[in-house]
Every structure is written in structure tokens, then in C-alpha cells.
Amino acid sequence: VTSGGSTDYTDSVKGRFTISRDNAKNTAAYLQMNS
């Protein structure tokens, strides 16, 4: 995930995983993994 919020995923997790980041402090990133 870029600082602007653009994301990219490896094919095997597309549609299941979501990456995000804390843009307020830029000290955290997250990976939501479903299915």
C-alpha cells in the first residue's frame, strides 16, 4: 500500500486480503485476511 492508499496484491490473495495503513500517524499498517 502506498502513502496515497493505492494497493496491490499477489494473485493468490486478491479478493480475500485487504491491506491498509494509518495515514494519520503513518506508524501502522494492517492486513485483513478473509476466507
PDB file of all heavy atoms in Angstrom:
ATOM      1  N   VAL A   1       0.856  -1.194   0.000  1.00  0.00           N
ATOM      2  CA  VAL A   1       0.000   0.000   0.000  1.00  0.00           C
ATOM      3  C   VAL A   1       0.886   1.237   0.000  1.00  0.00           C
ATOM      4  O   VAL A   1       1.857   1.336   0.747  1.00  0.00           O
ATOM      5  CB  VAL A   1      -0.960  -0.013   1.209  1.00  0.00           C
ATOM      6  CG1 VAL A   1      -0.212  -0.065   2.531  1.00  0.00           C
ATOM      7  CG2 VAL A   1      -1.905   1.187   1.173  1.00  0.00           C
ATOM      8  N   THR A   2       0.567   2.181  -0.882  1.00  0.00           N
ATOM      9  CA  THR A   2       1.305   3.439  -0.930  1.00  0.00           C
ATOM     10  C   THR A   2       0.770   4.395   0.135  1.00  0.00           C
ATOM     11  O   THR A   2      -0.283   4.173   0.736  1.00  0.00           O
ATOM     12  CB  THR A   2       1.165   4.090  -2.310  1.00  0.00           C
ATOM     13  OG1 THR A   2      -0.185   4.551  -2.464  1.00  0.00           O
ATOM     14  CG2 THR A   2       1.507   3.116  -3.428  1.00  0.00           C
ATOM     15  N   SER A   3       1.487   5.491   0.329  1.00  0.00           N
ATOM     16  CA  SER A   3       1.019   6.503   1.285  1.00  0.00           C
ATOM     17  C   SER A   3      -0.286   7.132   0.808  1.00  0.00           C
ATOM     18  O   SER A   3      -1.062   7.637   1.625  1.00  0.00           O
ATOM     19  CB  SER A   3       2.083   7.574   1.486  1.00  0.00           C
ATOM     20  OG  SER A   3       2.395   8.190   0.253  1.00  0.00           O
ATOM     21  N   GLY A   4      -0.543   7.053  -0.480  1.00  0.00           N
ATOM     22  CA  GLY A   4      -1.789   7.591  -1.025  1.00  0.00           C
ATOM     23  C   GLY A   4      -2.941   6.615  -0.994  1.00  0.00           C
ATOM     24  O   GLY A   4      -4.060   6.965  -1.375  1.00  0.00           O
ATOM     25  N   GLY A   5      -2.663   5.381  -0.559  1.00  0.00           N
ATOM     26  CA  GLY A   5      -3.725   4.403  -0.427  1.00  0.00           C
ATOM     27  C   GLY A   5      -3.883   3.444  -1.583  1.00  0.00           C
ATOM     28  O   GLY A   5      -4.766   2.582  -1.563  1.00  0.00           O
ATOM     29  N   SER A   6      -3.062   3.562  -2.601  1.00  0.00           N
ATOM     30  CA  SER A   6      -3.113   2.598  -3.700  1.00  0.00           C
ATOM     31  C   SER A   6      -2.583   1.261  -3.214  1.00  0.00           C
ATOM     32  O   SER A   6      -1.602   1.208  -2.476  1.00  0.00           O
ATOM     33  CB  SER A   6      -2.289   3.093  -4.877  1.00  0.00           C
ATOM     34  OG  SER A   6      -2.829   4.286  -5.391  1.00  0.00           O
ATOM     35  N   THR A   7      -3.243   0.195  -3.647  1.00  0.00           N
ATOM     36  CA  THR A   7      -2.888  -1.137  -3.164  1.00  0.00           C
ATOM     37  C   THR A   7      -2.592  -2.088  -4.306  1.00  0.00           C
ATOM     38  O   THR A   7      -3.038  -1.890  -5.441  1.00  0.00           O
ATOM     39  CB  THR A   7      -4.020  -1.719  -2.300  1.00  0.00           C
ATOM     40  OG1 THR A   7      -5.221  -1.785  -3.092  1.00  0.00           O
ATOM     41  CG2 THR A   7      -4.275  -0.866  -1.071  1.00  0.00           C
ATOM     42  N   ASP A   8      -1.857  -3.122  -3.994  1.00  0.00           N
ATOM     43  CA  ASP A   8      -1.576  -4.183  -4.945  1.00  0.00           C
ATOM     44  C   ASP A   8      -1.451  -5.491  -4.167  1.00  0.00           C
ATOM     45  O   ASP A   8      -1.024  -5.475  -3.006  1.00  0.00           O
ATOM     46  CB  ASP A   8      -0.291  -3.905  -5.722  1.00  0.00           C
ATOM     47  CG  ASP A   8      -0.188  -4.751  -6.969  1.00  0.00           C
ATOM     48  OD1 ASP A   8      -1.212  -5.333  -7.403  1.00  0.00           O
ATOM     49  OD2 ASP A   8       0.926  -4.868  -7.520  1.00  0.00           O
ATOM     50  N   TYR A   9      -1.835  -6.578  -4.814  1.00  0.00           N
ATOM     51  CA  TYR A   9      -1.864  -7.874  -4.148  1.00  0.00           C
ATOM     52  C   TYR A   9      -1.297  -8.957  -5.048  1.00  0.00           C
ATOM     53  O   TYR A   9      -1.451  -8.899  -6.278  1.00  0.00           O
ATOM     54  CB  TYR A   9      -3.308  -8.253  -3.782  1.00  0.00           C
ATOM     55  CG  TYR A   9      -3.992  -7.261  -2.884  1.00  0.00           C
ATOM     56  CD1 TYR A   9      -4.709  -6.186  -3.410  1.00  0.00           C
ATOM     57  CD2 TYR A   9      -3.915  -7.388  -1.504  1.00  0.00           C
ATOM     58  CE1 TYR A   9      -5.324  -5.264  -2.584  1.00  0.00           C
ATOM     59  CE2 TYR A   9      -4.536  -6.474  -0.667  1.00  0.00           C
ATOM     60  CZ  TYR A   9      -5.232  -5.425  -1.214  1.00  0.00           C
ATOM     61  OH  TYR A   9      -5.845  -4.513  -0.391  1.00  0.00           O
ATOM     62  N   THR A  10      -0.701  -9.954  -4.445  1.00  0.00           N
ATOM     63  CA  THR A  10      -0.339 -11.121  -5.209  1.00  0.00           C
ATOM     64  C   THR A  10      -1.628 -11.842  -5.604  1.00  0.00           C
ATOM     65  O   THR A  10      -2.641 -11.771  -4.887  1.00  0.00           O
ATOM     66  CB  THR A  10       0.598 -12.032  -4.407  1.00  0.00           C
ATOM     67  OG1 THR A  10       1.157 -13.014  -5.255  1.00  0.00           O
ATOM     68  CG2 THR A  10      -0.125 -12.700  -3.262  1.00  0.00           C
ATOM     69  N   ASP A  11      -1.600 -12.516  -6.744  1.00  0.00           N
ATOM     70  CA  ASP A  11      -2.831 -13.082  -7.292  1.00  0.00           C
ATOM     71  C   ASP A  11      -3.558 -14.015  -6.322  1.00  0.00           C
ATOM     72  O   ASP A  11      -4.785 -14.055  -6.289  1.00  0.00           O
ATOM     73  CB  ASP A  11      -2.521 -13.835  -8.588  1.00  0.00           C
ATOM     74  CG  ASP A  11      -2.242 -12.897  -9.755  1.00  0.00           C
ATOM     75  OD1 ASP A  11      -2.541 -11.693  -9.633  1.00  0.00           O
ATOM     76  OD2 ASP A  11      -1.725 -13.373 -10.788  1.00  0.00           O
ATOM     77  N   SER A  12      -2.804 -14.761  -5.539  1.00  0.00           N
ATOM     78  CA  SER A  12      -3.424 -15.781  -4.692  1.00  0.00           C
ATOM     79  C   SER A  12      -4.279 -15.217  -3.566  1.00  0.00           C
ATOM     80  O   SER A  12      -5.075 -15.952  -2.964  1.00  0.00           O
ATOM     81  CB  SER A  12      -2.360 -16.711  -4.113  1.00  0.00           C
ATOM     82  OG  SER A  12      -1.471 -15.982  -3.290  1.00  0.00           O
ATOM     83  N   VAL A  13      -4.136 -13.928  -3.264  1.00  0.00           N
ATOM     84  CA  VAL A  13      -4.907 -13.345  -2.161  1.00  0.00           C
ATOM     85  C   VAL A  13      -5.887 -12.276  -2.628  1.00  0.00           C
ATOM     86  O   VAL A  13      -6.641 -11.736  -1.811  1.00  0.00           O
ATOM     87  CB  VAL A  13      -3.988 -12.757  -1.065  1.00  0.00           C
ATOM     88  CG1 VAL A  13      -2.958 -13.791  -0.623  1.00  0.00           C
ATOM     89  CG2 VAL A  13      -3.319 -11.475  -1.515  1.00  0.00           C
ATOM     90  N   LYS A  14      -5.895 -11.975  -3.916  1.00  0.00           N
ATOM     91  CA  LYS A  14      -6.800 -10.946  -4.425  1.00  0.00           C
ATOM     92  C   LYS A  14      -8.245 -11.312  -4.119  1.00  0.00           C
ATOM     93  O   LYS A  14      -8.672 -12.439  -4.321  1.00  0.00           O
ATOM     94  CB  LYS A  14      -6.599 -10.766  -5.933  1.00  0.00           C
ATOM     95  CG  LYS A  14      -5.362  -9.978  -6.290  1.00  0.00           C
ATOM     96  CD  LYS A  14      -5.217  -9.807  -7.802  1.00  0.00           C
ATOM     97  CE  LYS A  14      -3.964  -9.006  -8.134  1.00  0.00           C
ATOM     98  NZ  LYS A  14      -3.753  -8.899  -9.591  1.00  0.00           N
ATOM     99  N   GLY A  15      -8.984 -10.341  -3.623  1.00  0.00           N
ATOM    100  CA  GLY A  15     -10.376 -10.563  -3.284  1.00  0.00           C
ATOM    101  C   GLY A  15     -10.593 -11.125  -1.889  1.00  0.00           C
ATOM    102  O   GLY A  15     -11.727 -11.198  -1.413  1.00  0.00           O
ATOM    103  N   ARG A  16      -9.513 -11.517  -1.224  1.00  0.00           N
ATOM    104  CA  ARG A  16      -9.623 -12.088   0.125  1.00  0.00           C
ATOM    105  C   ARG A  16      -8.907 -11.244   1.173  1.00  0.00           C
ATOM    106  O   ARG A  16      -9.359 -11.154   2.312  1.00  0.00           O
ATOM    107  CB  ARG A  16      -9.048 -13.510   0.147  1.00  0.00           C
ATOM    108  CG  ARG A  16      -9.734 -14.468  -0.819  1.00  0.00           C
ATOM    109  CD  ARG A  16      -9.244 -15.906  -0.609  1.00  0.00           C
ATOM    110  NE  ARG A  16      -7.823 -16.079  -0.866  1.00  0.00           N
ATOM    111  CZ  ARG A  16      -6.949 -16.517   0.038  1.00  0.00           C
ATOM    112  NH1 ARG A  16      -7.342 -16.810   1.261  1.00  0.00           N
ATOM    113  NH2 ARG A  16      -5.675 -16.653  -0.287  1.00  0.00           N
ATOM    114  N   PHE A  17      -7.783 -10.656   0.799  1.00  0.00           N
ATOM    115  CA  PHE A  17      -6.984  -9.863   1.730  1.00  0.00           C
ATOM    116  C   PHE A  17      -7.127  -8.380   1.406  1.00  0.00           C
ATOM    117  O   PHE A  17      -7.268  -7.997   0.243  1.00  0.00           O
ATOM    118  CB  PHE A  17      -5.508 -10.241   1.636  1.00  0.00           C
ATOM    119  CG  PHE A  17      -5.152 -11.597   2.174  1.00  0.00           C
ATOM    120  CD1 PHE A  17      -6.109 -12.535   2.503  1.00  0.00           C
ATOM    121  CD2 PHE A  17      -3.810 -11.928   2.344  1.00  0.00           C
ATOM    122  CE1 PHE A  17      -5.767 -13.777   2.986  1.00  0.00           C
ATOM    123  CE2 PHE A  17      -3.449 -13.176   2.837  1.00  0.00           C
ATOM    124  CZ  PHE A  17      -4.429 -14.100   3.155  1.00  0.00           C
ATOM    125  N   THR A  18      -7.051  -7.570   2.445  1.00  0.00           N
ATOM    126  CA  THR A  18      -7.073  -6.122   2.270  1.00  0.00           C
ATOM    127  C   THR A  18      -5.976  -5.499   3.121  1.00  0.00           C
ATOM    128  O   THR A  18      -5.928  -5.727   4.337  1.00  0.00           O
ATOM    129  CB  THR A  18      -8.428  -5.529   2.686  1.00  0.00           C
ATOM    130  OG1 THR A  18      -9.475  -6.148   1.937  1.00  0.00           O
ATOM    131  CG2 THR A  18      -8.453  -4.030   2.441  1.00  0.00           C
ATOM    132  N   ILE A  19      -5.118  -4.734   2.478  1.00  0.00           N
ATOM    133  CA  ILE A  19      -4.061  -4.030   3.187  1.00  0.00           C
ATOM    134  C   ILE A  19      -4.483  -2.584   3.387  1.00  0.00           C
ATOM    135  O   ILE A  19      -5.139  -1.988   2.534  1.00  0.00           O
ATOM    136  CB  ILE A  19      -2.714  -4.112   2.431  1.00  0.00           C
ATOM    137  CG1 ILE A  19      -1.576  -3.550   3.276  1.00  0.00           C
ATOM    138  CG2 ILE A  19      -2.809  -3.418   1.070  1.00  0.00           C
ATOM    139  CD1 ILE A  19      -0.189  -3.790   2.673  1.00  0.00           C
ATOM    140  N   SER A  20      -4.124  -2.039   4.535  1.00  0.00           N
ATOM    141  CA  SER A  20      -4.419  -0.632   4.811  1.00  0.00           C
ATOM    142  C   SER A  20      -3.319  -0.077   5.703  1.00  0.00           C
ATOM    143  O   SER A  20      -2.460  -0.818   6.188  1.00  0.00           O
ATOM    144  CB  SER A  20      -5.789  -0.486   5.473  1.00  0.00           C
ATOM    145  OG  SER A  20      -5.834  -1.189   6.699  1.00  0.00           O
ATOM    146  N   ARG A  21      -3.351   1.229   5.891  1.00  0.00           N
ATOM    147  CA  ARG A  21      -2.352   1.863   6.742  1.00  0.00           C
ATOM    148  C   ARG A  21      -2.993   3.013   7.491  1.00  0.00           C
ATOM    149  O   ARG A  21      -4.017   3.561   7.079  1.00  0.00           O
ATOM    150  CB  ARG A  21      -1.157   2.328   5.920  1.00  0.00           C
ATOM    151  CG  ARG A  21      -1.470   3.406   4.901  1.00  0.00           C
ATOM    152  CD  ARG A  21      -0.292   3.583   3.945  1.00  0.00           C
ATOM    153  NE  ARG A  21       0.891   4.112   4.625  1.00  0.00           N
ATOM    154  CZ  ARG A  21       2.109   4.060   4.098  1.00  0.00           C
ATOM    155  NH1 ARG A  21       2.304   3.498   2.913  1.00  0.00           N
ATOM    156  NH2 ARG A  21       3.138   4.584   4.741  1.00  0.00           N
ATOM    157  N   ASP A  22      -2.355   3.383   8.578  1.00  0.00           N
ATOM    158  CA  ASP A  22      -2.810   4.500   9.392  1.00  0.00           C
ATOM    159  C   ASP A  22      -2.179   5.762   8.829  1.00  0.00           C
ATOM    160  O   ASP A  22      -1.017   6.052   9.089  1.00  0.00           O
ATOM    161  CB  ASP A  22      -2.392   4.269  10.840  1.00  0.00           C
ATOM    162  CG  ASP A  22      -2.594   5.503  11.696  1.00  0.00           C
ATOM    163  OD1 ASP A  22      -3.326   6.408  11.264  1.00  0.00           O
ATOM    164  OD2 ASP A  22      -2.019   5.551  12.792  1.00  0.00           O
ATOM    165  N   ASN A  23      -2.941   6.510   8.064  1.00  0.00           N
ATOM    166  CA  ASN A  23      -2.373   7.693   7.411  1.00  0.00           C
ATOM    167  C   ASN A  23      -2.303   8.909   8.327  1.00  0.00           C
ATOM    168  O   ASN A  23      -1.726   9.922   7.955  1.00  0.00           O
ATOM    169  CB  ASN A  23      -3.179   8.041   6.156  1.00  0.00           C
ATOM    170  CG  ASN A  23      -2.865   7.092   5.015  1.00  0.00           C
ATOM    171  OD1 ASN A  23      -1.725   6.695   4.829  1.00  0.00           O
ATOM    172  ND2 ASN A  23      -3.869   6.721   4.255  1.00  0.00           N
ATOM    173  N   ALA A  24      -2.870   8.788   9.509  1.00  0.00           N
ATOM    174  CA  ALA A  24      -2.812   9.906  10.445  1.00  0.00           C
ATOM    175  C   ALA A  24      -1.403  10.033  11.025  1.00  0.00           C
ATOM    176  O   ALA A  24      -0.830  11.121  11.071  1.00  0.00           O
ATOM    177  CB  ALA A  24      -3.836   9.714  11.554  1.00  0.00           C
ATOM    178  N   LYS A  25      -0.861   8.895  11.426  1.00  0.00           N
ATOM    179  CA  LYS A  25       0.475   8.914  12.036  1.00  0.00           C
ATOM    180  C   LYS A  25       1.506   8.162  11.209  1.00  0.00           C
ATOM    181  O   LYS A  25       2.703   8.271  11.454  1.00  0.00           O
ATOM    182  CB  LYS A  25       0.423   8.299  13.438  1.00  0.00           C
ATOM    183  CG  LYS A  25      -0.440   9.071  14.425  1.00  0.00           C
ATOM    184  CD  LYS A  25      -0.369   8.431  15.805  1.00  0.00           C
ATOM    185  CE  LYS A  25      -1.192   9.216  16.807  1.00  0.00           C
ATOM    186  NZ  LYS A  25      -1.135   8.609  18.166  1.00  0.00           N
ATOM    187  N   ASN A  26       1.041   7.390  10.240  1.00  0.00           N
ATOM    188  CA  ASN A  26       1.948   6.598   9.397  1.00  0.00           C
ATOM    189  C   ASN A  26       2.857   5.688  10.204  1.00  0.00           C
ATOM    190  O   ASN A  26       4.012   5.469   9.834  1.00  0.00           O
ATOM    191  CB  ASN A  26       2.795   7.521   8.506  1.00  0.00           C
ATOM    192  CG  ASN A  26       2.039   7.942   7.273  1.00  0.00           C
ATOM    193  OD1 ASN A  26       1.377   7.141   6.626  1.00  0.00           O
ATOM    194  ND2 ASN A  26       2.117   9.213   6.945  1.00  0.00           N
ATOM    195  N   THR A  27       2.346   5.163  11.294  1.00  0.00           N
ATOM    196  CA  THR A  27       3.134   4.239  12.103  1.00  0.00           C
ATOM    197  C   THR A  27       2.520   2.856  12.175  1.00  0.00           C
ATOM    198  O   THR A  27       2.977   2.020  12.952  1.00  0.00           O
ATOM    199  CB  THR A  27       3.296   4.768  13.540  1.00  0.00           C
ATOM    200  OG1 THR A  27       1.993   4.983  14.098  1.00  0.00           O
ATOM    201  CG2 THR A  27       4.090   6.061  13.566  1.00  0.00           C
ATOM    202  N   ALA A  28       1.495   2.605  11.370  1.00  0.00           N
ATOM    203  CA  ALA A  28       0.853   1.298  11.436  1.00  0.00           C
ATOM    204  C   ALA A  28       0.352   0.881  10.059  1.00  0.00           C
ATOM    205  O   ALA A  28      -0.022   1.713   9.230  1.00  0.00           O
ATOM    206  CB  ALA A  28      -0.317   1.320  12.419  1.00  0.00           C
ATOM    207  N   ALA A  29       0.364  -0.401   9.858  1.00  0.00           N
ATOM    208  CA  ALA A  29      -0.223  -0.994   8.664  1.00  0.00           C
ATOM    209  C   ALA A  29      -1.004  -2.225   9.113  1.00  0.00           C
ATOM    210  O   ALA A  29      -0.723  -2.796  10.170  1.00  0.00           O
ATOM    211  CB  ALA A  29       0.854  -1.380   7.654  1.00  0.00           C
ATOM    212  N   TYR A  30      -1.963  -2.607   8.299  1.00  0.00           N
ATOM    213  CA  TYR A  30      -2.837  -3.703   8.683  1.00  0.00           C
ATOM    214  C   TYR A  30      -3.060  -4.633   7.493  1.00  0.00           C
ATOM    215  O   TYR A  30      -3.014  -4.201   6.342  1.00  0.00           O
ATOM    216  CB  TYR A  30      -4.195  -3.162   9.151  1.00  0.00           C
ATOM    217  CG  TYR A  30      -4.091  -2.132  10.238  1.00  0.00           C
ATOM    218  CD1 TYR A  30      -4.047  -0.777   9.918  1.00  0.00           C
ATOM    219  CD2 TYR A  30      -4.021  -2.503  11.565  1.00  0.00           C
ATOM    220  CE1 TYR A  30      -3.929   0.182  10.904  1.00  0.00           C
ATOM    221  CE2 TYR A  30      -3.903  -1.546  12.563  1.00  0.00           C
ATOM    222  CZ  TYR A  30      -3.861  -0.215  12.233  1.00  0.00           C
ATOM    223  OH  TYR A  30      -3.743   0.727  13.216  1.00  0.00           O
ATOM    224  N   LEU A  31      -3.312  -5.893   7.816  1.00  0.00           N
ATOM    225  CA  LEU A  31      -3.688  -6.849   6.779  1.00  0.00           C
ATOM    226  C   LEU A  31      -4.933  -7.586   7.261  1.00  0.00           C
ATOM    227  O   LEU A  31      -4.872  -8.344   8.232  1.00  0.00           O
ATOM    228  CB  LEU A  31      -2.555  -7.843   6.498  1.00  0.00           C
ATOM    229  CG  LEU A  31      -2.802  -8.774   5.321  1.00  0.00           C
ATOM    230  CD1 LEU A  31      -2.832  -7.978   4.003  1.00  0.00           C
ATOM    231  CD2 LEU A  31      -1.734  -9.859   5.247  1.00  0.00           C
ATOM    232  N   GLN A  32      -6.045  -7.313   6.614  1.00  0.00           N
ATOM    233  CA  GLN A  32      -7.284  -8.028   6.896  1.00  0.00           C
ATOM    234  C   GLN A  32      -7.343  -9.237   5.991  1.00  0.00           C
ATOM    235  O   GLN A  32      -7.307  -9.098   4.766  1.00  0.00           O
ATOM    236  CB  GLN A  32      -8.505  -7.135   6.652  1.00  0.00           C
ATOM    237  CG  GLN A  32      -9.844  -7.822   6.847  1.00  0.00           C
ATOM    238  CD  GLN A  32     -10.099  -8.211   8.289  1.00  0.00           C
ATOM    239  OE1 GLN A  32      -9.848  -7.427   9.202  1.00  0.00           O
ATOM    240  NE2 GLN A  32     -10.607  -9.421   8.496  1.00  0.00           N
ATOM    241  N   MET A  33      -7.425 -10.407   6.583  1.00  0.00           N
ATOM    242  CA  MET A  33      -7.407 -11.650   5.821  1.00  0.00           C
ATOM    243  C   MET A  33      -8.737 -12.375   6.017  1.00  0.00           C
ATOM    244  O   MET A  33      -9.066 -12.760   7.138  1.00  0.00           O
ATOM    245  CB  MET A  33      -6.248 -12.535   6.279  1.00  0.00           C
ATOM    246  CG  MET A  33      -4.898 -11.838   6.223  1.00  0.00           C
ATOM    247  SD  MET A  33      -3.512 -12.951   6.561  1.00  0.00           S
ATOM    248  CE  MET A  33      -3.879 -13.398   8.243  1.00  0.00           C
ATOM    249  N   ASN A  34      -9.462 -12.545   4.945  1.00  0.00           N
ATOM    250  CA  ASN A  34     -10.748 -13.249   4.973  1.00  0.00           C
ATOM    251  C   ASN A  34     -10.665 -14.505   4.121  1.00  0.00           C
ATOM    252  O   ASN A  34      -9.758 -14.663   3.302  1.00  0.00           O
ATOM    253  CB  ASN A  34     -11.853 -12.334   4.448  1.00  0.00           C
ATOM    254  CG  ASN A  34     -12.040 -11.086   5.283  1.00  0.00           C
ATOM    255  OD1 ASN A  34     -11.819 -11.092   6.497  1.00  0.00           O
ATOM    256  ND2 ASN A  34     -12.444 -10.001   4.634  1.00  0.00           N
ATOM    257  N   SER A  35     -11.628 -15.381   4.301  1.00  0.00           N
ATOM    258  CA  SER A  35     -11.705 -16.619   3.522  1.00  0.00           C
ATOM    259  C   SER A  35     -10.361 -17.338   3.498  1.00  0.00           C
ATOM    260  O   SER A  35      -9.873 -17.750   2.443  1.00  0.00           O
ATOM    261  CB  SER A  35     -12.176 -16.308   2.085  1.00  0.00           C
ATOM    262  OG  SER A  35     -13.419 -15.661   2.087  1.00  0.00           O
TER     263      SER A  35
END
